Amino acid sequence: MAAGARSLVFFPALSTRLSTRLNRATTNYSAITTPRGCKIFSVRMASSQSATPTLTRSVALTGFAPVQIVAGPGLSEPDFSNAIDCSLFKQWLKNMQGEKGILAHERISLRQVQIQGVDMFGSRVGFLKFKADIIDEETGARIPGIVFSRGPAVAMLILLESGSQTYAVLTEQVRVPVGKFILELPAGMLDDDQGDFVGTAVREVEEETGLKLKLEDMINLTSFLDPTTGQGVFPSPGGCDEDLRFFLYKGKVDEETLKMLQGKETGLRDHGELIKVHVVPYDKLWHTTSDAKVLCAIALYEMAKKDGLLL
C-alpha cells in the first residue's frame, strides 16, 4: 500500500454508494473486488498543510554534551528564540549543570528540550513551558521532565500591632488555575533579571495593599535558611521552578488604620488585578486560608523566633 493510504473494506450493498462519494471528492483512491463481491478501497489522504521544518538549536553546556532544543508544534520562530534566550531558561540550564544539579549525577543525561509554550509580559518572557528529555542511563528510564517556568517571586508577611492584638494583612484575589478566590499573602514576581527581591516586596505591598513600607524595615525570613538551600523556597518543584523569598514587616498602627485596610479594593486594574484587602488576627491566621505562602511564612517566622533569631 502506498504511504499515506488507508484501507477500508465494504460489502457490496455499500460499495456503490462509497464509490460515488469518493468520485465526488478530491481524495485519490483505488478499489479491488474480492471473490465474494466485497470491495477493498485504498484511500490516499491528502495533507492539508505542507510540511514545515522543525525549529532547532544546539546549546552548549559546561562539561556536558550539547543539548538539542526543538520547537513544539505551532511555536513561532520569535517565541522559540525568546524562550531560549530568556533568563528563565538560562537559569534552569545553570541549575541543571550546578554542583548539586541533576547532571552532576553521571548516570543522568539531558538528551533534548522541547519548547512548548511562551507567554510574553510586554517585551520579556513571563511564563515558559517546556519538556526535557532526561534519561537514567543505567536503567534507560525516562525521568518526568515537564516544566512550567515562572522564576523568582516574593511574598510578604505583614504583622500590624494594634492595642494588645497583632493582625496579619492578606489579599483576596481571583486565582483562575484553581477556579477560586484565595486569601493569601501579598506577593509578586520579579519584573526584571536584577534579583531585587526586597525592592519588589516593597513595591508589591504598596500595589496590593496601599501600605508604603521602607526597604530597611523588611526582614528576609528565607535568609535564615541554611545557605546550601539557596535560601529560597520551592512551593511546587515537581512541576514548577517558582523560587519564593519571604519577607516580614512588623509595625504598630491605630484602630482607624485597620478599619481603613479592611475590605479595601486595590490592585492594577489595567492588568486584570481584582484585589480586596483583609485584616486577620495573627493567632487565627494559620487556619484561615489554604494558601501555602501563608503557612510557610508562619513556619519560618515562628521557628526563627524559637531559635532566637527574631524577637
Protein backbone atom coordinates (compact mmCIF):
# COMPACT_ATOMS: atom_id res chain seq x y z
CA MET A 1 0.00 0.00 0.00
CA ALA A 2 1.30 3.48 -0.81
CA ALA A 3 2.49 5.72 2.02
CA GLY A 4 -0.31 7.88 3.40
CA ALA A 5 -3.00 5.41 2.27
CA ARG A 6 -5.74 3.81 4.37
CA SER A 7 -7.63 0.55 3.61
CA LEU A 8 -11.41 0.38 4.01
CA VAL A 9 -13.41 -2.83 3.40
CA PHE A 10 -17.08 -2.55 2.36
CA PHE A 11 -19.69 -5.16 1.41
CA PRO A 12 -21.46 -4.98 -1.99
CA ALA A 13 -24.53 -3.10 -0.75
CA LEU A 14 -22.36 -0.20 0.40
CA SER A 15 -19.68 -0.23 -2.29
CA THR A 16 -21.62 1.62 -4.99
CA ARG A 17 -22.57 4.47 -2.67
CA LEU A 18 -18.99 4.79 -1.37
CA SER A 19 -17.54 4.83 -4.90
CA THR A 20 -19.92 7.65 -5.83
CA ARG A 21 -18.91 9.73 -2.80
CA LEU A 22 -15.20 9.18 -3.37
CA ASN A 23 -15.53 10.15 -7.03
CA ARG A 24 -17.04 13.47 -5.93
CA ALA A 25 -14.20 14.11 -3.50
CA THR A 26 -10.68 15.24 -4.28
CA THR A 27 -9.21 12.27 -2.42
CA ASN A 28 -7.39 9.69 -4.58
CA TYR A 29 -8.41 6.06 -4.21
CA SER A 30 -8.27 2.65 -5.83
CA ALA A 31 -10.60 -0.36 -5.36
CA ILE A 32 -10.13 -4.13 -5.58
CA THR A 33 -13.12 -6.51 -5.73
CA THR A 34 -12.76 -9.75 -3.78
CA PRO A 35 -14.20 -13.14 -4.99
CA ARG A 36 -17.16 -12.65 -2.62
CA GLY A 37 -18.07 -9.27 -4.04
CA CYS A 38 -16.54 -7.14 -1.29
CA LYS A 39 -14.51 -4.14 -2.29
CA ILE A 40 -11.28 -3.03 -0.65
CA PHE A 41 -10.78 0.71 -1.08
CA SER A 42 -7.24 2.10 -0.73
CA VAL A 43 -7.65 5.78 0.06
CA ARG A 44 -4.79 8.28 -0.13
CA MET A 45 -5.38 11.12 2.31
CA ALA A 46 -4.14 14.45 1.04
CA SER A 47 -2.21 16.57 3.52
CA SER A 48 -3.90 19.87 4.29
CA GLN A 49 -0.61 21.54 5.10
CA SER A 50 2.81 21.43 3.56
CA ALA A 51 5.49 20.12 5.86
CA THR A 52 7.44 22.84 7.64
CA PRO A 53 10.93 22.33 9.04
CA THR A 54 11.20 21.97 12.82
CA LEU A 55 12.99 24.84 14.57
CA THR A 56 16.10 23.57 16.37
CA ARG A 57 19.12 24.97 18.12
CA SER A 58 22.07 23.31 19.81
CA VAL A 59 23.05 24.81 23.18
CA ALA A 60 26.49 24.18 24.68
CA LEU A 61 26.72 23.03 28.30
CA THR A 62 29.74 23.37 30.58
CA GLY A 63 31.36 19.98 31.00
CA PHE A 64 28.47 18.12 29.36
CA ALA A 65 27.38 17.22 25.85
CA PRO A 66 25.46 19.94 23.99
CA VAL A 67 21.68 19.70 24.23
CA GLN A 68 19.32 19.98 21.28
CA ILE A 69 16.47 22.47 21.73
CA VAL A 70 13.45 21.97 19.47
CA ALA A 71 10.23 23.91 18.97
CA GLY A 72 6.92 22.23 19.74
CA PRO A 73 4.03 22.22 17.26
CA GLY A 74 2.74 25.68 16.41
CA LEU A 75 5.51 27.59 18.19
CA SER A 76 6.62 30.64 16.23
CA GLU A 77 10.26 31.40 15.49
CA PRO A 78 10.24 34.62 17.61
CA ASP A 79 8.75 32.76 20.59
CA PHE A 80 11.30 29.96 20.14
CA SER A 81 14.20 32.42 20.17
CA ASN A 82 12.75 34.38 23.11
CA ALA A 83 12.39 31.17 25.11
CA ILE A 84 15.99 30.04 24.62
CA ASP A 85 17.43 33.49 25.29
CA CYS A 86 15.31 34.35 28.35
CA SER A 87 16.63 34.33 31.90
CA LEU A 88 14.13 31.66 32.98
CA PHE A 89 15.56 29.07 30.59
CA LYS A 90 19.17 30.10 31.18
CA GLN A 91 18.71 29.79 34.94
CA TRP A 92 17.21 26.32 34.54
CA LEU A 93 20.19 25.18 32.45
CA LYS A 94 22.52 26.71 35.05
CA ASN A 95 20.78 24.80 37.84
CA MET A 96 21.00 21.58 35.83
CA GLN A 97 24.78 21.96 35.47
CA GLY A 98 25.50 23.16 39.01
CA GLU A 99 27.35 21.27 41.73
CA LYS A 100 24.04 19.97 43.07
CA GLY A 101 22.38 19.90 39.67
CA ILE A 102 20.76 16.89 38.06
CA LEU A 103 23.53 16.48 35.51
CA ALA A 104 26.14 16.26 38.29
CA HIS A 105 24.92 12.67 38.67
CA GLU A 106 26.82 10.96 35.88
CA ARG A 107 24.10 8.38 35.30
CA ILE A 108 21.62 11.06 34.21
CA SER A 109 21.75 12.77 30.83
CA LEU A 110 19.79 15.54 29.12
CA ARG A 111 19.05 14.50 25.54
CA GLN A 112 16.66 17.18 24.27
CA VAL A 113 14.34 20.01 25.33
CA GLN A 114 11.09 20.81 23.54
CA ILE A 115 9.79 24.36 23.99
CA GLN A 116 6.00 24.04 24.12
CA GLY A 117 4.64 27.44 25.07
CA VAL A 118 5.68 31.04 25.76
CA ASP A 119 3.70 33.87 27.39
CA MET A 120 5.20 37.30 26.90
CA PHE A 121 4.82 40.04 29.54
CA GLY A 122 5.48 43.01 27.31
CA SER A 123 8.98 42.53 25.91
CA ARG A 124 10.04 39.80 28.36
CA VAL A 125 9.12 36.15 28.81
CA GLY A 126 6.76 35.84 31.77
CA PHE A 127 5.81 32.15 31.63
CA LEU A 128 7.56 29.34 29.80
CA LYS A 129 6.51 25.70 29.36
CA PHE A 130 8.88 23.04 28.09
CA LYS A 131 9.56 19.32 28.24
CA ALA A 132 13.03 17.96 28.98
CA ASP A 133 14.05 14.53 27.70
CA ILE A 134 16.07 13.29 30.71
CA ILE A 135 17.35 9.72 30.83
CA ASP A 136 18.66 7.49 33.60
CA GLU A 137 21.49 5.87 31.63
CA GLU A 138 21.74 2.87 33.97
CA THR A 139 18.13 1.79 33.52
CA GLY A 140 17.21 3.58 30.30
CA ALA A 141 14.13 5.01 32.05
CA ARG A 142 12.87 8.50 31.31
CA ILE A 143 12.62 10.89 34.24
CA PRO A 144 9.49 13.12 34.29
CA GLY A 145 10.58 16.43 32.82
CA ILE A 146 7.59 18.70 32.16
CA VAL A 147 8.41 22.21 33.40
CA PHE A 148 6.27 25.29 33.97
CA SER A 149 8.78 28.09 34.45
CA ARG A 150 7.92 31.39 36.09
CA GLY A 151 11.08 32.11 38.07
CA PRO A 152 11.70 34.06 41.29
CA ALA A 153 8.98 35.78 43.33
CA VAL A 154 8.42 37.33 46.74
CA ALA A 155 5.78 37.05 49.47
CA MET A 156 5.31 39.34 52.46
CA LEU A 157 4.10 38.60 55.97
CA ILE A 158 2.84 41.95 57.29
CA LEU A 159 2.12 42.00 61.01
CA LEU A 160 0.45 45.07 62.47
CA GLU A 161 0.14 45.54 66.23
CA SER A 162 -2.88 47.44 67.47
CA GLY A 163 -3.59 47.58 71.18
CA SER A 164 -2.96 44.11 72.62
CA GLN A 165 -3.65 42.28 69.35
CA THR A 166 -1.46 41.50 66.32
CA TYR A 167 -3.03 41.33 62.86
CA ALA A 168 -1.86 39.97 59.51
CA VAL A 169 -2.64 41.67 56.22
CA LEU A 170 -3.93 39.38 53.47
CA THR A 171 -5.23 39.90 49.96
CA GLU A 172 -8.20 38.18 48.34
CA GLN A 173 -7.58 37.56 44.65
CA VAL A 174 -9.07 35.72 41.69
CA ARG A 175 -6.96 32.61 41.04
CA VAL A 176 -8.12 31.11 37.76
CA PRO A 177 -5.94 27.94 37.91
CA VAL A 178 -7.87 26.73 40.98
CA GLY A 179 -11.14 28.38 39.98
CA LYS A 180 -11.50 30.23 43.28
CA PHE A 181 -10.95 33.45 45.17
CA ILE A 182 -7.99 32.85 47.51
CA LEU A 183 -6.92 34.64 50.69
CA GLU A 184 -3.14 34.94 50.52
CA LEU A 185 -0.09 36.95 51.39
CA PRO A 186 0.75 39.96 49.24
CA ALA A 187 3.13 38.56 46.64
CA GLY A 188 4.53 39.10 43.18
CA MET A 189 7.03 38.07 40.54
CA LEU A 190 10.28 39.87 39.91
CA ASP A 191 9.85 42.23 36.96
CA ASP A 192 13.42 42.04 35.71
CA ASP A 193 16.62 39.99 35.89
CA GLN A 194 18.32 42.15 38.52
CA GLY A 195 17.32 39.99 41.51
CA ASP A 196 15.91 42.91 43.51
CA PHE A 197 13.82 40.85 45.92
CA VAL A 198 13.35 43.40 48.69
CA GLY A 199 12.56 46.20 46.24
CA THR A 200 9.95 44.01 44.59
CA ALA A 201 8.49 43.16 48.01
CA VAL A 202 8.03 46.83 48.95
CA ARG A 203 6.52 47.66 45.56
CA GLU A 204 4.07 44.73 45.66
CA VAL A 205 2.90 45.65 49.16
CA GLU A 206 2.06 49.18 48.02
CA GLU A 207 0.31 47.96 44.84
CA GLU A 208 -1.76 45.32 46.63
CA THR A 209 -2.50 46.95 49.99
CA GLY A 210 -1.70 50.65 49.68
CA LEU A 211 0.82 50.44 52.55
CA LYS A 212 4.09 52.26 51.93
CA LEU A 213 6.95 50.45 53.63
CA LYS A 214 10.66 51.21 53.82
CA LEU A 215 13.32 48.88 52.42
CA GLU A 216 15.26 48.91 55.68
CA ASP A 217 12.24 47.70 57.65
CA MET A 218 11.86 44.48 55.65
CA ILE A 219 13.29 41.27 57.19
CA ASN A 220 14.20 38.44 54.83
CA LEU A 221 12.81 35.33 56.53
CA THR A 222 14.36 33.00 53.94
CA SER A 223 17.82 34.33 54.81
CA PHE A 224 17.58 32.23 57.97
CA LEU A 225 17.63 29.04 55.89
CA ASP A 226 20.91 27.16 55.50
CA PRO A 227 22.98 28.67 52.64
CA THR A 228 23.14 25.26 50.96
CA THR A 229 19.39 25.54 50.26
CA GLY A 230 19.87 28.63 48.13
CA GLN A 231 17.82 30.47 50.79
CA GLY A 232 14.64 30.31 48.78
CA VAL A 233 11.52 28.15 48.89
CA PHE A 234 10.25 25.96 46.03
CA PRO A 235 6.50 25.51 46.67
CA SER A 236 5.92 23.01 43.84
CA PRO A 237 9.24 21.67 42.48
CA GLY A 238 7.57 18.65 40.85
CA GLY A 239 6.27 20.86 38.05
CA CYS A 240 7.28 24.49 38.57
CA ASP A 241 10.54 26.35 39.17
CA GLU A 242 8.99 29.20 41.20
CA ASP A 243 11.57 30.33 43.80
CA LEU A 244 9.99 32.30 46.66
CA ARG A 245 11.67 34.68 49.07
CA PHE A 246 9.66 35.57 52.18
CA PHE A 247 9.84 38.94 53.91
CA LEU A 248 8.50 40.10 57.25
CA TYR A 249 7.33 43.55 58.26
CA LYS A 250 6.25 44.41 61.81
CA GLY A 251 4.71 47.73 62.79
CA LYS A 252 2.24 49.46 65.08
CA VAL A 253 -0.96 51.08 63.85
CA ASP A 254 -4.11 52.56 65.33
CA GLU A 255 -7.57 51.04 65.05
CA GLU A 256 -8.55 53.55 62.36
CA THR A 257 -5.81 52.24 60.05
CA LEU A 258 -7.06 48.67 60.46
CA LYS A 259 -10.60 49.79 59.58
CA MET A 260 -9.27 51.61 56.51
CA LEU A 261 -7.46 48.47 55.32
CA GLN A 262 -10.32 46.03 55.90
CA GLY A 263 -12.15 45.46 52.62
CA LYS A 264 -10.07 47.98 50.67
CA GLU A 265 -10.09 47.32 46.92
CA THR A 266 -6.68 47.61 45.28
CA GLY A 267 -4.52 46.16 42.51
CA LEU A 268 -3.52 47.19 39.00
CA ARG A 269 -6.93 47.08 37.33
CA ASP A 270 -5.48 47.55 33.85
CA HIS A 271 -3.50 44.32 34.46
CA GLY A 272 -6.65 42.44 35.47
CA GLU A 273 -5.90 42.51 39.21
CA LEU A 274 -9.06 42.42 41.34
CA ILE A 275 -7.79 42.57 44.92
CA LYS A 276 -9.53 43.07 48.24
CA VAL A 277 -7.54 43.57 51.46
CA HIS A 278 -8.36 41.57 54.60
CA VAL A 279 -7.05 42.04 58.12
CA VAL A 280 -6.93 38.83 60.18
CA PRO A 281 -5.87 38.24 63.82
CA TYR A 282 -2.45 36.59 63.67
CA ASP A 283 -3.34 33.86 66.17
CA LYS A 284 -6.09 32.70 63.78
CA LEU A 285 -4.09 33.09 60.60
CA TRP A 286 -2.83 29.51 60.30
CA HIS A 287 -6.33 28.05 59.82
CA THR A 288 -7.85 30.98 57.91
CA THR A 289 -6.57 30.06 54.44
CA SER A 290 -5.11 27.21 52.41
CA ASP A 291 -2.52 29.49 50.80
CA ALA A 292 0.85 27.72 51.02
CA LYS A 293 2.65 31.07 51.24
CA VAL A 294 0.80 31.94 54.45
CA LEU A 295 1.57 28.60 56.08
CA CYS A 296 5.22 28.70 55.00
CA ALA A 297 5.67 32.26 56.28
CA ILE A 298 4.20 31.33 59.66
CA ALA A 299 6.58 28.37 59.94
CA LEU A 300 9.63 30.48 59.05
CA TYR A 301 8.60 33.27 61.43
CA GLU A 302 7.78 31.03 64.39
CA MET A 303 10.89 28.86 64.03
CA ALA A 304 13.12 31.95 63.71
CA LYS A 305 11.62 33.26 66.98
CA LYS A 306 12.03 29.88 68.64
CA ASP A 307 15.72 29.81 67.73
CA GLY A 308 16.25 33.38 68.98
CA LEU A 309 16.80 34.86 65.51
CA LEU A 310 13.82 37.19 65.89
CA LEU A 311 12.14 38.87 68.83
